[in-house]
Amino acid sequence: MNHKLTPSTIALLTIPPLLWAGNAIVGRLVREAVSPMTLNLLRWSIALLILVPVGRAAFRPGSGLLSGWRRFAMLGLLGIGLYNSLLYLALQTSTPINVTLVASSLPLWMLVVGWAFYGAQVGRKQTIGALLSISGVLLVLSRGEWSQLLAMRLVAGDVYMILATIAWSFYSWMLMQPKDPPQLRADWAAFLVAQVAYGVVWSGMFSAGEWAAGAAHIDWSWTVVAALLYVAIGPAIIALQCWRAGVQRAGPNVGAFFNNLTPLFAALMSSAFLGELPHLYHMAAFALIVGGIFFSTRR
């Protein structure tokens, strides 16, 4: 594995957090026009239609799509159904800056889930790094006022994003388990199609519940159509493929640094498109989160 950061590798690892930050901005922009569960269902349905022509091997007999249904159903639930639905739900009451900063607590949850459920060992540097990162997240949750933590001054969106990040941690650990059929593991498009196909089923169930509860709505406009195309193509397909290629070149530890560019991009985009200016505590939280990642992954 080549750990040298060439310009092309830097580009591959920078594009995903830029697109993921855009996903948070778009989700916030259309929150009044499309309900969160319906937005997630439409997003991944479009992505599946785009992916099927290049990942059609997933539907061939003996591919493992049906025999491994339990695994792919769980991957689809955690990574596509739950994570993305909760993210869009979080954006109903929280800002893109807060949502992406709270999501940067992923290293902490990865350590906790790995230790508790997968027997992973946790080193001293990893623990200190995780504590630094969670300090940054607590700074965001307290809105820069530590005394507010005692009053648990959380908006619903912050809680939803914490739950989404925990779901993504389980999803990430599942990906590391070598249990996938060789035919799907060797073909990135087919492997993604297998997850998305089951994820669309879960998303459909969540959306159906939203409509049954009378909480669903969609007000069609060209803005909504453009938003759906963006979140289906950019953050869902392009970002995942660029991330996969970049991590293969530079390694996951290096990739972690780039992942935490997402809240920085979200802050810049929020200022440009939403008029939501970042506060000083956002900058301090970003420094703590990145510092934690650097400390826990440095050699």
Protein backbone atom coordinates (compact mmCIF):
# COMPACT_ATOMS: atom_id res chain seq x y z
CA MET A 1 0.00 0.00 0.00
CA ASN A 2 1.43 3.37 -1.06
CA HIS A 3 1.23 5.98 1.71
CA LYS A 4 2.74 8.79 -0.40
CA LEU A 5 0.24 11.59 -0.98
CA THR A 6 0.36 12.43 -4.66
CA PRO A 7 -1.84 15.24 -6.08
CA SER A 8 -4.27 12.70 -7.54
CA THR A 9 -4.55 10.87 -4.18
CA ILE A 10 -5.16 14.16 -2.37
CA ALA A 11 -7.91 14.93 -4.88
CA LEU A 12 -9.50 11.50 -4.41
CA LEU A 13 -9.57 11.94 -0.61
CA THR A 14 -10.75 15.57 -0.69
CA ILE A 15 -13.69 15.10 -3.06
CA PRO A 16 -15.74 12.85 -0.69
CA PRO A 17 -15.80 15.19 2.36
CA LEU A 18 -16.63 18.08 0.02
CA LEU A 19 -19.57 16.14 -1.41
CA TRP A 20 -20.66 14.87 2.02
CA ALA A 21 -20.68 18.43 3.34
CA GLY A 22 -22.81 19.36 0.34
CA ASN A 23 -25.18 16.55 1.27
CA ALA A 24 -25.74 18.15 4.67
CA ILE A 25 -26.27 21.59 3.09
CA VAL A 26 -28.77 20.25 0.54
CA GLY A 27 -30.62 18.27 3.22
CA ARG A 28 -30.97 21.48 5.22
CA LEU A 29 -32.06 23.51 2.17
CA VAL A 30 -34.93 21.18 1.21
CA ARG A 31 -36.07 20.26 4.72
CA GLU A 32 -39.32 22.20 4.28
CA ALA A 33 -40.01 20.71 0.84
CA VAL A 34 -39.28 17.00 1.44
CA SER A 35 -39.71 14.98 4.61
CA PRO A 36 -36.51 13.17 5.71
CA MET A 37 -37.52 9.52 5.20
CA THR A 38 -38.98 10.26 1.78
CA LEU A 39 -35.86 12.21 0.80
CA ASN A 40 -33.69 9.24 1.74
CA LEU A 41 -35.89 6.78 -0.20
CA LEU A 42 -35.85 8.92 -3.35
CA ARG A 43 -32.10 9.49 -3.07
CA TRP A 44 -31.15 5.83 -2.93
CA SER A 45 -33.79 4.73 -5.44
CA ILE A 46 -32.23 7.07 -7.99
CA ALA A 47 -28.74 5.90 -7.02
CA LEU A 48 -29.80 2.26 -7.48
CA LEU A 49 -31.16 2.97 -10.98
CA ILE A 50 -27.86 4.58 -11.92
CA LEU A 51 -25.75 1.79 -10.40
CA VAL A 52 -27.63 -1.21 -11.82
CA PRO A 53 -26.14 -1.00 -15.35
CA VAL A 54 -22.54 -1.12 -13.98
CA GLY A 55 -23.28 -3.42 -11.05
CA ARG A 56 -25.69 -5.83 -12.71
CA ALA A 57 -23.40 -8.73 -11.75
CA ALA A 58 -25.08 -8.58 -8.34
CA PHE A 59 -28.26 -9.98 -9.88
CA ARG A 60 -26.64 -12.91 -11.67
CA PRO A 61 -27.44 -16.41 -10.36
CA GLY A 62 -24.98 -17.50 -7.69
CA SER A 63 -23.70 -13.98 -7.01
CA GLY A 64 -24.49 -14.30 -3.30
CA LEU A 65 -27.13 -11.55 -3.27
CA LEU A 66 -29.82 -13.97 -2.05
CA SER A 67 -27.72 -16.51 -0.14
CA GLY A 68 -26.10 -13.68 1.83
CA TRP A 69 -29.33 -11.78 2.36
CA ARG A 70 -28.94 -11.49 6.14
CA ARG A 71 -25.57 -9.74 5.84
CA PHE A 72 -26.58 -7.41 3.01
CA ALA A 73 -29.91 -6.63 4.66
CA MET A 74 -28.02 -5.56 7.80
CA LEU A 75 -25.48 -3.53 5.80
CA GLY A 76 -28.35 -1.87 3.95
CA LEU A 77 -30.17 -1.13 7.21
CA LEU A 78 -27.17 0.40 9.01
CA GLY A 79 -25.35 2.20 6.19
CA ILE A 80 -28.22 3.31 3.95
CA GLY A 81 -31.51 3.03 5.79
CA LEU A 82 -30.68 4.19 9.32
CA TYR A 83 -27.62 6.40 8.88
CA ASN A 84 -28.95 8.53 6.05
CA SER A 85 -32.53 8.74 7.35
CA LEU A 86 -31.28 9.87 10.76
CA LEU A 87 -28.92 12.40 9.10
CA TYR A 88 -31.78 14.03 7.18
CA LEU A 89 -33.94 13.88 10.30
CA ALA A 90 -31.17 15.62 12.25
CA LEU A 91 -31.07 18.43 9.70
CA GLN A 92 -34.69 19.29 10.50
CA THR A 93 -33.62 20.84 13.82
CA SER A 94 -29.82 21.12 13.70
CA THR A 95 -27.43 22.94 11.38
CA PRO A 96 -25.07 21.33 8.84
CA ILE A 97 -22.09 22.58 10.89
CA ASN A 98 -23.34 20.89 14.05
CA VAL A 99 -24.39 17.71 12.25
CA THR A 100 -21.01 17.21 10.55
CA LEU A 101 -19.07 18.06 13.71
CA VAL A 102 -21.11 15.58 15.78
CA ALA A 103 -20.47 12.99 13.05
CA SER A 104 -16.76 13.56 13.62
CA SER A 105 -17.15 11.65 16.88
CA LEU A 106 -16.98 8.53 14.69
CA PRO A 107 -13.46 7.53 15.94
CA LEU A 108 -14.79 7.31 19.50
CA TRP A 109 -17.77 5.16 18.55
CA MET A 110 -15.57 3.00 16.33
CA LEU A 111 -13.35 2.26 19.34
CA VAL A 112 -16.31 1.56 21.64
CA VAL A 113 -18.17 -0.68 19.17
CA GLY A 114 -14.98 -2.52 18.17
CA TRP A 115 -14.01 -3.16 21.78
CA ALA A 116 -17.50 -4.12 23.00
CA PHE A 117 -18.70 -6.24 20.07
CA TYR A 118 -15.71 -7.30 17.97
CA GLY A 119 -12.94 -7.89 20.52
CA ALA A 120 -10.74 -5.10 19.19
CA GLN A 121 -7.89 -3.90 21.41
CA VAL A 122 -7.81 -0.21 22.34
CA GLY A 123 -4.40 1.41 22.85
CA ARG A 124 -3.48 4.39 25.03
CA LYS A 125 -2.95 6.75 22.09
CA GLN A 126 -6.29 5.76 20.61
CA THR A 127 -8.02 6.43 23.93
CA ILE A 128 -6.44 9.89 24.33
CA GLY A 129 -7.21 10.73 20.72
CA ALA A 130 -10.83 9.65 21.13
CA LEU A 131 -11.17 11.76 24.29
CA LEU A 132 -9.86 14.82 22.43
CA SER A 133 -12.35 14.21 19.63
CA ILE A 134 -15.30 13.73 21.96
CA SER A 135 -14.31 16.95 23.77
CA GLY A 136 -14.78 18.72 20.46
CA VAL A 137 -18.19 17.12 20.00
CA LEU A 138 -19.24 18.09 23.56
CA LEU A 139 -18.16 21.65 22.79
CA VAL A 140 -20.59 21.68 19.87
CA LEU A 141 -23.41 20.08 21.86
CA SER A 142 -22.99 22.67 24.63
CA ARG A 143 -22.96 25.52 22.06
CA GLY A 144 -19.69 26.69 23.56
CA GLU A 145 -21.04 26.87 27.12
CA TRP A 146 -19.76 23.96 29.21
CA SER A 147 -22.25 24.73 31.99
CA GLN A 148 -25.05 23.91 29.55
CA LEU A 149 -23.98 20.26 29.51
CA LEU A 150 -25.39 19.86 33.01
CA ALA A 151 -28.76 20.97 31.69
CA MET A 152 -28.46 18.58 28.70
CA ARG A 153 -29.23 21.38 26.27
CA LEU A 154 -29.42 19.17 23.20
CA VAL A 155 -31.61 19.72 20.18
CA ALA A 156 -33.25 16.64 18.72
CA GLY A 157 -31.01 16.80 15.64
CA ASP A 158 -27.87 16.36 17.74
CA VAL A 159 -29.28 13.19 19.31
CA TYR A 160 -30.35 11.81 15.92
CA MET A 161 -26.84 12.42 14.56
CA ILE A 162 -25.23 10.61 17.50
CA LEU A 163 -27.49 7.61 16.79
CA ALA A 164 -26.61 7.83 13.08
CA THR A 165 -22.90 7.80 13.89
CA ILE A 166 -23.29 4.75 16.11
CA ALA A 167 -25.13 2.98 13.27
CA TRP A 168 -22.28 3.89 10.88
CA SER A 169 -19.75 2.45 13.36
CA PHE A 170 -21.49 -0.92 13.30
CA TYR A 171 -21.71 -0.71 9.51
CA SER A 172 -17.96 0.00 9.25
CA TRP A 173 -17.04 -2.92 11.49
CA MET A 174 -19.30 -5.23 9.48
CA LEU A 175 -17.47 -4.20 6.30
CA MET A 176 -14.21 -5.35 7.87
CA GLN A 177 -15.51 -8.88 8.43
CA PRO A 178 -14.47 -11.13 5.49
CA LYS A 179 -17.87 -12.73 4.97
CA ASP A 180 -18.82 -11.47 1.51
CA PRO A 181 -19.17 -13.72 -1.55
CA PRO A 182 -16.02 -13.47 -3.73
CA GLN A 183 -18.06 -12.44 -6.78
CA LEU A 184 -19.41 -9.36 -5.00
CA ARG A 185 -16.28 -8.47 -3.05
CA ALA A 186 -14.23 -8.30 -6.26
CA ASP A 187 -16.69 -5.98 -8.05
CA TRP A 188 -17.15 -2.65 -6.24
CA ALA A 189 -20.28 -1.72 -8.22
CA ALA A 190 -21.96 -5.08 -7.63
CA PHE A 191 -21.04 -4.95 -3.93
CA LEU A 192 -22.56 -1.47 -3.64
CA VAL A 193 -25.67 -2.51 -5.58
CA ALA A 194 -26.21 -5.42 -3.16
CA GLN A 195 -26.19 -3.04 -0.19
CA VAL A 196 -28.27 -0.34 -1.89
CA ALA A 197 -30.91 -2.85 -3.08
CA TYR A 198 -31.61 -3.95 0.48
CA GLY A 199 -31.17 -0.39 1.76
CA VAL A 200 -33.92 0.83 -0.57
CA VAL A 201 -36.27 -1.78 0.92
CA TRP A 202 -35.54 -0.50 4.45
CA SER A 203 -35.85 3.12 3.29
CA GLY A 204 -39.19 2.26 1.69
CA MET A 205 -40.45 0.84 4.97
CA PHE A 206 -39.34 3.94 6.89
CA SER A 207 -40.94 6.22 4.30
CA ALA A 208 -44.17 4.20 4.38
CA GLY A 209 -44.29 4.65 8.15
CA GLU A 210 -43.71 8.38 7.70
CA TRP A 211 -46.62 8.64 5.25
CA ALA A 212 -48.87 6.48 7.45
CA ALA A 213 -48.17 8.77 10.40
CA GLY A 214 -49.11 11.81 8.32
CA ALA A 215 -45.63 13.28 8.72
CA ALA A 216 -44.54 12.88 5.09
CA HIS A 217 -44.71 15.47 2.35
CA ILE A 218 -42.99 16.48 -0.87
CA ASP A 219 -43.45 19.76 -2.72
CA TRP A 220 -42.07 19.19 -6.19
CA SER A 221 -39.98 21.91 -7.79
CA TRP A 222 -36.90 22.16 -9.96
CA THR A 223 -34.91 22.85 -6.78
CA VAL A 224 -36.07 19.56 -5.28
CA VAL A 225 -35.29 17.67 -8.51
CA ALA A 226 -31.78 19.17 -8.62
CA ALA A 227 -31.27 18.35 -4.94
CA LEU A 228 -32.31 14.72 -5.47
CA LEU A 229 -29.96 14.31 -8.43
CA TYR A 230 -27.09 15.81 -6.43
CA VAL A 231 -27.50 13.65 -3.32
CA ALA A 232 -28.00 10.51 -5.45
CA ILE A 233 -24.99 11.03 -7.73
CA GLY A 234 -22.49 13.08 -5.69
CA PRO A 235 -22.46 11.94 -2.04
CA ALA A 236 -23.86 8.47 -2.80
CA ILE A 237 -21.93 7.24 -5.85
CA ILE A 238 -19.00 9.53 -6.74
CA ALA A 239 -17.92 10.08 -3.13
CA LEU A 240 -17.96 6.39 -2.21
CA GLN A 241 -15.92 5.39 -5.26
CA CYS A 242 -13.37 8.22 -4.79
CA TRP A 243 -13.08 7.31 -1.10
CA ARG A 244 -12.51 3.66 -1.90
CA ALA A 245 -9.79 4.48 -4.45
CA GLY A 246 -8.11 7.07 -2.22
CA VAL A 247 -8.01 4.84 0.87
CA GLN A 248 -6.57 1.99 -1.20
CA ARG A 249 -3.70 4.29 -2.19
CA ALA A 250 -2.99 6.09 1.08
CA GLY A 251 -4.42 3.80 3.77
CA PRO A 252 -7.35 4.28 6.18
CA ASN A 253 -5.34 6.20 8.80
CA VAL A 254 -4.41 8.91 6.31
CA GLY A 255 -7.96 8.88 4.99
CA ALA A 256 -9.26 9.68 8.48
CA PHE A 257 -7.61 13.09 8.36
CA PHE A 258 -9.45 13.95 5.15
CA ASN A 259 -12.77 12.65 6.50
CA ASN A 260 -12.64 15.36 9.15
CA LEU A 261 -12.52 18.06 6.48
CA THR A 262 -16.31 17.56 6.20
CA PRO A 263 -17.27 19.98 9.03
CA LEU A 264 -14.85 22.59 7.68
CA PHE A 265 -16.44 22.40 4.23
CA ALA A 266 -19.90 22.41 5.85
CA ALA A 267 -19.03 25.60 7.75
CA LEU A 268 -17.85 27.33 4.57
CA MET A 269 -20.92 26.19 2.61
CA SER A 270 -23.31 27.14 5.42
CA SER A 271 -21.89 30.64 5.39
CA ALA A 272 -22.14 30.88 1.59
CA PHE A 273 -25.55 29.27 0.97
CA LEU A 274 -27.50 29.34 4.23
CA GLY A 275 -26.23 32.45 5.98
CA GLU A 276 -25.41 30.34 9.05
CA LEU A 277 -22.08 31.75 10.18
CA PRO A 278 -19.76 29.51 12.23
CA HIS A 279 -18.98 30.52 15.79
CA LEU A 280 -15.68 30.51 17.61
CA TYR A 281 -16.63 27.29 19.41
CA HIS A 282 -17.09 25.58 16.05
CA MET A 283 -13.47 26.37 15.17
CA ALA A 284 -12.25 25.19 18.58
CA ALA A 285 -14.27 21.98 18.25
CA PHE A 286 -12.82 21.31 14.81
CA ALA A 287 -9.28 21.75 16.20
CA LEU A 288 -9.99 19.29 19.02
CA ILE A 289 -11.51 16.71 16.68
CA VAL A 290 -8.66 16.85 14.16
CA GLY A 291 -6.12 16.88 16.99
CA GLY A 292 -7.68 13.73 18.39
CA ILE A 293 -7.53 11.99 15.02
CA PHE A 294 -3.90 13.03 14.53
CA PHE A 295 -2.84 11.87 18.01
CA SER A 296 -4.56 8.49 17.75
CA THR A 297 -3.24 7.66 14.27
CA ARG A 298 0.30 9.01 14.34
CA ARG A 299 3.09 6.48 14.36
